[in-house]
Amino acid sequence: MSVLERRLQILLDPAQYERLEAEARRRSLSVGATVRAAIEMFLDDDVQRRDAAKRALLAMESQGASGQDFDKDSVLLDAFPG
């Protein structure tokens, strides 16, 4: 396990903390470990979405898409829905 050397302070409302605490109990982890796991999941998901967008853009380029046929917004919306 890596050395923890940065402190982060956040404020949660009571309902958020209760949900976090319940998830920590369910996973048999501390609240801090649960927050760290949630951060990792969030950041990993973001990397995967960016990689998917990059692959989609590169695939379009390699298929010979011209500037007129290329719809960057459509590709990005597919990779980053919502």
PDB file of N, CA and C in Angstrom:
ATOM      1  N   MET A   1       0.834  -1.169   0.000  1.00  0.00           N
ATOM      2  CA  MET A   1       0.000   0.000   0.000  1.00  0.00           C
ATOM      3  C   MET A   1       0.886   1.242   0.000  1.00  0.00           C
ATOM      4  N   SER A   2       0.474   2.253  -0.728  1.00  0.00           N
ATOM      5  CA  SER A   2       1.281   3.467  -0.807  1.00  0.00           C
ATOM      6  C   SER A   2       1.163   4.273   0.475  1.00  0.00           C
ATOM      7  N   VAL A   3       2.137   5.147   0.665  1.00  0.00           N
ATOM      8  CA  VAL A   3       2.141   6.019   1.832  1.00  0.00           C
ATOM      9  C   VAL A   3       1.146   7.143   1.591  1.00  0.00           C
ATOM     10  N   LEU A   4       0.281   7.368   2.551  1.00  0.00           N
ATOM     11  CA  LEU A   4      -0.697   8.439   2.445  1.00  0.00           C
ATOM     12  C   LEU A   4      -0.050   9.711   2.980  1.00  0.00           C
ATOM     13  N   GLU A   5       0.051  10.733   2.137  1.00  0.00           N
ATOM     14  CA  GLU A   5       0.740  11.934   2.588  1.00  0.00           C
ATOM     15  C   GLU A   5      -0.012  13.227   2.333  1.00  0.00           C
ATOM     16  N   ARG A   6      -1.214  13.152   1.782  1.00  0.00           N
ATOM     17  CA  ARG A   6      -2.017  14.357   1.553  1.00  0.00           C
ATOM     18  C   ARG A   6      -3.324  14.250   2.310  1.00  0.00           C
ATOM     19  N   ARG A   7      -3.699  15.324   2.953  1.00  0.00           N
ATOM     20  CA  ARG A   7      -4.953  15.361   3.697  1.00  0.00           C
ATOM     21  C   ARG A   7      -5.973  16.125   2.862  1.00  0.00           C
ATOM     22  N   LEU A   8      -7.198  15.631   2.853  1.00  0.00           N
ATOM     23  CA  LEU A   8      -8.289  16.266   2.142  1.00  0.00           C
ATOM     24  C   LEU A   8      -9.437  16.455   3.110  1.00  0.00           C
ATOM     25  N   GLN A   9      -9.958  17.655   3.166  1.00  0.00           N
ATOM     26  CA  GLN A   9     -11.094  17.916   4.042  1.00  0.00           C
ATOM     27  C   GLN A   9     -12.288  18.304   3.173  1.00  0.00           C
ATOM     28  N   ILE A  10     -13.390  17.576   3.346  1.00  0.00           N
ATOM     29  CA  ILE A  10     -14.618  17.888   2.622  1.00  0.00           C
ATOM     30  C   ILE A  10     -15.774  17.914   3.601  1.00  0.00           C
ATOM     31  N   LEU A  11     -16.800  18.630   3.222  1.00  0.00           N
ATOM     32  CA  LEU A  11     -18.004  18.668   4.046  1.00  0.00           C
ATOM     33  C   LEU A  11     -19.110  17.907   3.339  1.00  0.00           C
ATOM     34  N   LEU A  12     -19.802  17.055   4.080  1.00  0.00           N
ATOM     35  CA  LEU A  12     -20.910  16.271   3.557  1.00  0.00           C
ATOM     36  C   LEU A  12     -22.159  16.607   4.348  1.00  0.00           C
ATOM     37  N   ASP A  13     -23.297  16.497   3.686  1.00  0.00           N
ATOM     38  CA  ASP A  13     -24.529  16.655   4.460  1.00  0.00           C
ATOM     39  C   ASP A  13     -24.801  15.327   5.187  1.00  0.00           C
ATOM     40  N   PRO A  14     -25.667  15.333   6.181  1.00  0.00           N
ATOM     41  CA  PRO A  14     -25.895  14.113   6.971  1.00  0.00           C
ATOM     42  C   PRO A  14     -26.302  12.899   6.130  1.00  0.00           C
ATOM     43  N   ALA A  15     -27.116  13.110   5.110  1.00  0.00           N
ATOM     44  CA  ALA A  15     -27.556  11.980   4.283  1.00  0.00           C
ATOM     45  C   ALA A  15     -26.390  11.392   3.495  1.00  0.00           C
ATOM     46  N   GLN A  16     -25.529  12.238   2.968  1.00  0.00           N
ATOM     47  CA  GLN A  16     -24.356  11.746   2.236  1.00  0.00           C
ATOM     48  C   GLN A  16     -23.450  10.942   3.156  1.00  0.00           C
ATOM     49  N   TYR A  17     -23.221  11.466   4.360  1.00  0.00           N
ATOM     50  CA  TYR A  17     -22.340  10.759   5.280  1.00  0.00           C
ATOM     51  C   TYR A  17     -22.933   9.422   5.690  1.00  0.00           C
ATOM     52  N   GLU A  18     -24.225   9.385   5.920  1.00  0.00           N
ATOM     53  CA  GLU A  18     -24.874   8.118   6.285  1.00  0.00           C
ATOM     54  C   GLU A  18     -24.720   7.086   5.164  1.00  0.00           C
ATOM     55  N   ARG A  19     -24.908   7.528   3.922  1.00  0.00           N
ATOM     56  CA  ARG A  19     -24.744   6.603   2.791  1.00  0.00           C
ATOM     57  C   ARG A  19     -23.298   6.123   2.686  1.00  0.00           C
ATOM     58  N   LEU A  20     -22.352   7.032   2.891  1.00  0.00           N
ATOM     59  CA  LEU A  20     -20.938   6.679   2.846  1.00  0.00           C
ATOM     60  C   LEU A  20     -20.594   5.701   3.958  1.00  0.00           C
ATOM     61  N   GLU A  21     -21.078   5.983   5.143  1.00  0.00           N
ATOM     62  CA  GLU A  21     -20.819   5.112   6.289  1.00  0.00           C
ATOM     63  C   GLU A  21     -21.428   3.724   6.072  1.00  0.00           C
ATOM     64  N   ALA A  22     -22.631   3.673   5.520  1.00  0.00           N
ATOM     65  CA  ALA A  22     -23.279   2.380   5.248  1.00  0.00           C
ATOM     66  C   ALA A  22     -22.486   1.582   4.222  1.00  0.00           C
ATOM     67  N   GLU A  23     -21.988   2.275   3.188  1.00  0.00           N
ATOM     68  CA  GLU A  23     -21.184   1.581   2.167  1.00  0.00           C
ATOM     69  C   GLU A  23     -19.875   1.080   2.774  1.00  0.00           C
ATOM     70  N   ALA A  24     -19.272   1.872   3.634  1.00  0.00           N
ATOM     71  CA  ALA A  24     -18.039   1.443   4.303  1.00  0.00           C
ATOM     72  C   ALA A  24     -18.285   0.189   5.135  1.00  0.00           C
ATOM     73  N   ARG A  25     -19.383   0.174   5.874  1.00  0.00           N
ATOM     74  CA  ARG A  25     -19.726  -1.028   6.674  1.00  0.00           C
ATOM     75  C   ARG A  25     -19.951  -2.230   5.762  1.00  0.00           C
ATOM     76  N   ARG A  26     -20.681  -2.002   4.654  1.00  0.00           N
ATOM     77  CA  ARG A  26     -20.976  -3.094   3.728  1.00  0.00           C
ATOM     78  C   ARG A  26     -19.692  -3.700   3.161  1.00  0.00           C
ATOM     79  N   ARG A  27     -18.708  -2.862   2.922  1.00  0.00           N
ATOM     80  CA  ARG A  27     -17.437  -3.331   2.362  1.00  0.00           C
ATOM     81  C   ARG A  27     -16.411  -3.720   3.430  1.00  0.00           C
ATOM     82  N   SER A  28     -16.768  -3.538   4.682  1.00  0.00           N
ATOM     83  CA  SER A  28     -15.840  -3.788   5.804  1.00  0.00           C
ATOM     84  C   SER A  28     -14.573  -2.939   5.668  1.00  0.00           C
ATOM     85  N   LEU A  29     -14.787  -1.659   5.344  1.00  0.00           N
ATOM     86  CA  LEU A  29     -13.688  -0.709   5.200  1.00  0.00           C
ATOM     87  C   LEU A  29     -13.952   0.488   6.102  1.00  0.00           C
ATOM     88  N   SER A  30     -12.921   1.274   6.305  1.00  0.00           N
ATOM     89  CA  SER A  30     -13.112   2.547   6.995  1.00  0.00           C
ATOM     90  C   SER A  30     -13.781   3.525   6.025  1.00  0.00           C
ATOM     91  N   VAL A  31     -14.316   4.598   6.568  1.00  0.00           N
ATOM     92  CA  VAL A  31     -14.907   5.626   5.721  1.00  0.00           C
ATOM     93  C   VAL A  31     -13.835   6.215   4.793  1.00  0.00           C
ATOM     94  N   GLY A  32     -12.649   6.468   5.330  1.00  0.00           N
ATOM     95  CA  GLY A  32     -11.558   7.014   4.515  1.00  0.00           C
ATOM     96  C   GLY A  32     -11.179   6.100   3.367  1.00  0.00           C
ATOM     97  N   ALA A  33     -11.074   4.797   3.641  1.00  0.00           N
ATOM     98  CA  ALA A  33     -10.729   3.838   2.588  1.00  0.00           C
ATOM     99  C   ALA A  33     -11.832   3.778   1.532  1.00  0.00           C
ATOM    100  N   THR A  34     -13.066   3.932   1.964  1.00  0.00           N
ATOM    101  CA  THR A  34     -14.195   3.923   1.027  1.00  0.00           C
ATOM    102  C   THR A  34     -14.145   5.160   0.129  1.00  0.00           C
ATOM    103  N   VAL A  35     -13.816   6.304   0.694  1.00  0.00           N
ATOM    104  CA  VAL A  35     -13.678   7.527  -0.111  1.00  0.00           C
ATOM    105  C   VAL A  35     -12.539   7.365  -1.112  1.00  0.00           C
ATOM    106  N   ARG A  36     -11.410   6.828  -0.683  1.00  0.00           N
ATOM    107  CA  ARG A  36     -10.280   6.620  -1.599  1.00  0.00           C
ATOM    108  C   ARG A  36     -10.662   5.668  -2.724  1.00  0.00           C
ATOM    109  N   ALA A  37     -11.397   4.607  -2.415  1.00  0.00           N
ATOM    110  CA  ALA A  37     -11.837   3.661  -3.446  1.00  0.00           C
ATOM    111  C   ALA A  37     -12.787   4.342  -4.429  1.00  0.00           C
ATOM    112  N   ALA A  38     -13.680   5.188  -3.928  1.00  0.00           N
ATOM    113  CA  ALA A  38     -14.619   5.902  -4.798  1.00  0.00           C
ATOM    114  C   ALA A  38     -13.871   6.856  -5.726  1.00  0.00           C
ATOM    115  N   ILE A  39     -12.862   7.538  -5.204  1.00  0.00           N
ATOM    116  CA  ILE A  39     -12.056   8.438  -6.034  1.00  0.00           C
ATOM    117  C   ILE A  39     -11.367   7.651  -7.144  1.00  0.00           C
ATOM    118  N   GLU A  40     -10.785   6.518  -6.800  1.00  0.00           N
ATOM    119  CA  GLU A  40     -10.107   5.695  -7.813  1.00  0.00           C
ATOM    120  C   GLU A  40     -11.080   5.238  -8.897  1.00  0.00           C
ATOM    121  N   MET A  41     -12.278   4.796  -8.487  1.00  0.00           N
ATOM    122  CA  MET A  41     -13.271   4.361  -9.477  1.00  0.00           C
ATOM    123  C   MET A  41     -13.657   5.508 -10.396  1.00  0.00           C
ATOM    124  N   PHE A  42     -13.871   6.686  -9.838  1.00  0.00           N
ATOM    125  CA  PHE A  42     -14.249   7.854 -10.625  1.00  0.00           C
ATOM    126  C   PHE A  42     -13.150   8.219 -11.610  1.00  0.00           C
ATOM    127  N   LEU A  43     -11.910   8.258 -11.147  1.00  0.00           N
ATOM    128  CA  LEU A  43     -10.814   8.650 -12.018  1.00  0.00           C
ATOM    129  C   LEU A  43     -10.537   7.596 -13.077  1.00  0.00           C
ATOM    130  N   ASP A  44     -10.632   6.312 -12.728  1.00  0.00           N
ATOM    131  CA  ASP A  44     -10.435   5.254 -13.720  1.00  0.00           C
ATOM    132  C   ASP A  44     -11.492   5.338 -14.807  1.00  0.00           C
ATOM    133  N   ASP A  45     -12.744   5.597 -14.429  1.00  0.00           N
ATOM    134  CA  ASP A  45     -13.826   5.711 -15.397  1.00  0.00           C
ATOM    135  C   ASP A  45     -13.561   6.868 -16.347  1.00  0.00           C
ATOM    136  N   ASP A  46     -13.068   7.984 -15.834  1.00  0.00           N
ATOM    137  CA  ASP A  46     -12.782   9.150 -16.657  1.00  0.00           C
ATOM    138  C   ASP A  46     -11.692   8.833 -17.675  1.00  0.00           C
ATOM    139  N   VAL A  47     -10.665   8.124 -17.254  1.00  0.00           N
ATOM    140  CA  VAL A  47      -9.584   7.741 -18.158  1.00  0.00           C
ATOM    141  C   VAL A  47     -10.122   6.825 -19.254  1.00  0.00           C
ATOM    142  N   GLN A  48     -10.963   5.876 -18.888  1.00  0.00           N
ATOM    143  CA  GLN A  48     -11.520   4.950 -19.871  1.00  0.00           C
ATOM    144  C   GLN A  48     -12.381   5.687 -20.893  1.00  0.00           C
ATOM    145  N   ARG A  49     -13.166   6.677 -20.451  1.00  0.00           N
ATOM    146  CA  ARG A  49     -14.001   7.437 -21.385  1.00  0.00           C
ATOM    147  C   ARG A  49     -13.144   8.267 -22.333  1.00  0.00           C
ATOM    148  N   ARG A  50     -12.091   8.889 -21.806  1.00  0.00           N
ATOM    149  CA  ARG A  50     -11.196   9.665 -22.675  1.00  0.00           C
ATOM    150  C   ARG A  50     -10.521   8.762 -23.694  1.00  0.00           C
ATOM    151  N   ASP A  51     -10.087   7.593 -23.256  1.00  0.00           N
ATOM    152  CA  ASP A  51      -9.453   6.649 -24.175  1.00  0.00           C
ATOM    153  C   ASP A  51     -10.428   6.189 -25.255  1.00  0.00           C
ATOM    154  N   ALA A  52     -11.684   5.948 -24.887  1.00  0.00           N
ATOM    155  CA  ALA A  52     -12.698   5.549 -25.865  1.00  0.00           C
ATOM    156  C   ALA A  52     -12.918   6.654 -26.886  1.00  0.00           C
ATOM    157  N   ALA A  53     -12.958   7.903 -26.436  1.00  0.00           N
ATOM    158  CA  ALA A  53     -13.131   9.030 -27.362  1.00  0.00           C
ATOM    159  C   ALA A  53     -11.939   9.125 -28.302  1.00  0.00           C
ATOM    160  N   LYS A  54     -10.747   8.956 -27.768  1.00  0.00           N
ATOM    161  CA  LYS A  54      -9.540   9.017 -28.600  1.00  0.00           C
ATOM    162  C   LYS A  54      -9.548   7.917 -29.645  1.00  0.00           C
ATOM    163  N   ARG A  55      -9.899   6.696 -29.234  1.00  0.00           N
ATOM    164  CA  ARG A  55      -9.949   5.581 -30.196  1.00  0.00           C
ATOM    165  C   ARG A  55     -10.992   5.840 -31.280  1.00  0.00           C
ATOM    166  N   ALA A  56     -12.144   6.390 -30.882  1.00  0.00           N
ATOM    167  CA  ALA A  56     -13.197   6.678 -31.869  1.00  0.00           C
ATOM    168  C   ALA A  56     -12.736   7.731 -32.865  1.00  0.00           C
ATOM    169  N   LEU A  57     -12.067   8.765 -32.380  1.00  0.00           N
ATOM    170  CA  LEU A  57     -11.573   9.810 -33.278  1.00  0.00           C
ATOM    171  C   LEU A  57     -10.499   9.275 -34.215  1.00  0.00           C
ATOM    172  N   LEU A  58      -9.601   8.468 -33.678  1.00  0.00           N
ATOM    173  CA  LEU A  58      -8.547   7.897 -34.517  1.00  0.00           C
ATOM    174  C   LEU A  58      -9.127   6.936 -35.555  1.00  0.00           C
ATOM    175  N   ALA A  59     -10.135   6.173 -35.178  1.00  0.00           N
ATOM    176  CA  ALA A  59     -10.763   5.243 -36.127  1.00  0.00           C
ATOM    177  C   ALA A  59     -11.427   6.013 -37.256  1.00  0.00           C
ATOM    178  N   MET A  60     -12.063   7.132 -36.940  1.00  0.00           N
ATOM    179  CA  MET A  60     -12.698   7.933 -37.983  1.00  0.00           C
ATOM    180  C   MET A  60     -11.655   8.490 -38.940  1.00  0.00           C
ATOM    181  N   GLU A  61     -10.537   8.932 -38.392  1.00  0.00           N
ATOM    182  CA  GLU A  61      -9.478   9.489 -39.229  1.00  0.00           C
ATOM    183  C   GLU A  61      -8.900   8.425 -40.140  1.00  0.00           C
ATOM    184  N   SER A  62      -8.695   7.218 -39.622  1.00  0.00           N
ATOM    185  CA  SER A  62      -8.097   6.152 -40.427  1.00  0.00           C
ATOM    186  C   SER A  62      -9.068   5.624 -41.476  1.00  0.00           C
ATOM    187  N   GLN A  63     -10.353   5.883 -41.319  1.00  0.00           N
ATOM    188  CA  GLN A  63     -11.334   5.469 -42.313  1.00  0.00           C
ATOM    189  C   GLN A  63     -11.461   6.503 -43.421  1.00  0.00           C
ATOM    190  N   GLY A  64     -10.630   7.553 -43.368  1.00  0.00           N
ATOM    191  CA  GLY A  64     -10.623   8.547 -44.425  1.00  0.00           C
ATOM    192  C   GLY A  64     -11.753   9.548 -44.335  1.00  0.00           C
ATOM    193  N   ALA A  65     -12.231   9.833 -43.144  1.00  0.00           N
ATOM    194  CA  ALA A  65     -13.317  10.802 -43.004  1.00  0.00           C
ATOM    195  C   ALA A  65     -12.809  12.178 -43.401  1.00  0.00           C
ATOM    196  N   SER A  66     -13.539  12.845 -44.264  1.00  0.00           N
ATOM    197  CA  SER A  66     -13.149  14.193 -44.669  1.00  0.00           C
ATOM    198  C   SER A  66     -13.632  15.182 -43.628  1.00  0.00           C
ATOM    199  N   GLY A  67     -13.118  16.403 -43.686  1.00  0.00           N
ATOM    200  CA  GLY A  67     -13.527  17.445 -42.753  1.00  0.00           C
ATOM    201  C   GLY A  67     -15.018  17.705 -42.819  1.00  0.00           C
ATOM    202  N   GLN A  68     -15.631  17.515 -43.979  1.00  0.00           N
ATOM    203  CA  GLN A  68     -17.063  17.778 -44.115  1.00  0.00           C
ATOM    204  C   GLN A  68     -17.899  16.689 -43.453  1.00  0.00           C
ATOM    205  N   ASP A  69     -17.437  15.450 -43.491  1.00  0.00           N
ATOM    206  CA  ASP A  69     -18.196  14.327 -42.932  1.00  0.00           C
ATOM    207  C   ASP A  69     -17.956  14.145 -41.434  1.00  0.00           C
ATOM    208  N   PHE A  70     -16.925  14.750 -40.934  1.00  0.00           N
ATOM    209  CA  PHE A  70     -16.507  14.540 -39.554  1.00  0.00           C
ATOM    210  C   PHE A  70     -17.387  15.342 -38.603  1.00  0.00           C
ATOM    211  N   ASP A  71     -18.014  14.663 -37.656  1.00  0.00           N
ATOM    212  CA  ASP A  71     -18.861  15.329 -36.667  1.00  0.00           C
ATOM    213  C   ASP A  71     -18.262  15.091 -35.289  1.00  0.00           C
ATOM    214  N   LYS A  72     -17.339  15.962 -34.909  1.00  0.00           N
ATOM    215  CA  LYS A  72     -16.634  15.827 -33.629  1.00  0.00           C
ATOM    216  C   LYS A  72     -17.610  15.772 -32.457  1.00  0.00           C
ATOM    217  N   ASP A  73     -18.636  16.625 -32.484  1.00  0.00           N
ATOM    218  CA  ASP A  73     -19.591  16.660 -31.375  1.00  0.00           C
ATOM    219  C   ASP A  73     -20.303  15.326 -31.204  1.00  0.00           C
ATOM    220  N   SER A  74     -20.638  14.688 -32.301  1.00  0.00           N
ATOM    221  CA  SER A  74     -21.320  13.389 -32.238  1.00  0.00           C
ATOM    222  C   SER A  74     -20.412  12.339 -31.598  1.00  0.00           C
ATOM    223  N   VAL A  75     -19.157  12.331 -32.006  1.00  0.00           N
ATOM    224  CA  VAL A  75     -18.195  11.375 -31.440  1.00  0.00           C
ATOM    225  C   VAL A  75     -18.019  11.612 -29.951  1.00  0.00           C
ATOM    226  N   LEU A  76     -17.880  12.868 -29.555  1.00  0.00           N
ATOM    227  CA  LEU A  76     -17.693  13.177 -28.150  1.00  0.00           C
ATOM    228  C   LEU A  76     -18.923  12.862 -27.324  1.00  0.00           C
ATOM    229  N   LEU A  77     -20.116  13.102 -27.882  1.00  0.00           N
ATOM    230  CA  LEU A  77     -21.350  12.762 -27.162  1.00  0.00           C
ATOM    231  C   LEU A  77     -21.475  11.260 -26.976  1.00  0.00           C
ATOM    232  N   ASP A  78     -21.038  10.479 -27.967  1.00  0.00           N
ATOM    233  CA  ASP A  78     -21.053   9.015 -27.822  1.00  0.00           C
ATOM    234  C   ASP A  78     -20.106   8.569 -26.710  1.00  0.00           C
ATOM    235  N   ALA A  79     -18.948   9.222 -26.609  1.00  0.00           N
ATOM    236  CA  ALA A  79     -17.948   8.832 -25.611  1.00  0.00           C
ATOM    237  C   ALA A  79     -18.271   9.380 -24.224  1.00  0.00           C
ATOM    238  N   PHE A  80     -18.960  10.532 -24.178  1.00  0.00           N
ATOM    239  CA  PHE A  80     -19.265  11.191 -22.908  1.00  0.00           C
ATOM    240  C   PHE A  80     -20.750  11.481 -22.818  1.00  0.00           C
ATOM    241  N   PRO A  81     -21.593  10.448 -22.708  1.00  0.00           N
ATOM    242  CA  PRO A  81     -23.044  10.698 -22.653  1.00  0.00           C
ATOM    243  C   PRO A  81     -23.434  11.478 -21.405  1.00  0.00           C
ATOM    244  N   GLY A  82     -24.505  12.248 -21.543  1.00  0.00           N
ATOM    245  CA  GLY A  82     -25.022  12.983 -20.390  1.00  0.00           C
ATOM    246  C   GLY A  82     -24.364  14.247 -20.219  1.00  0.00           C
TER     247      GLY A  82
END
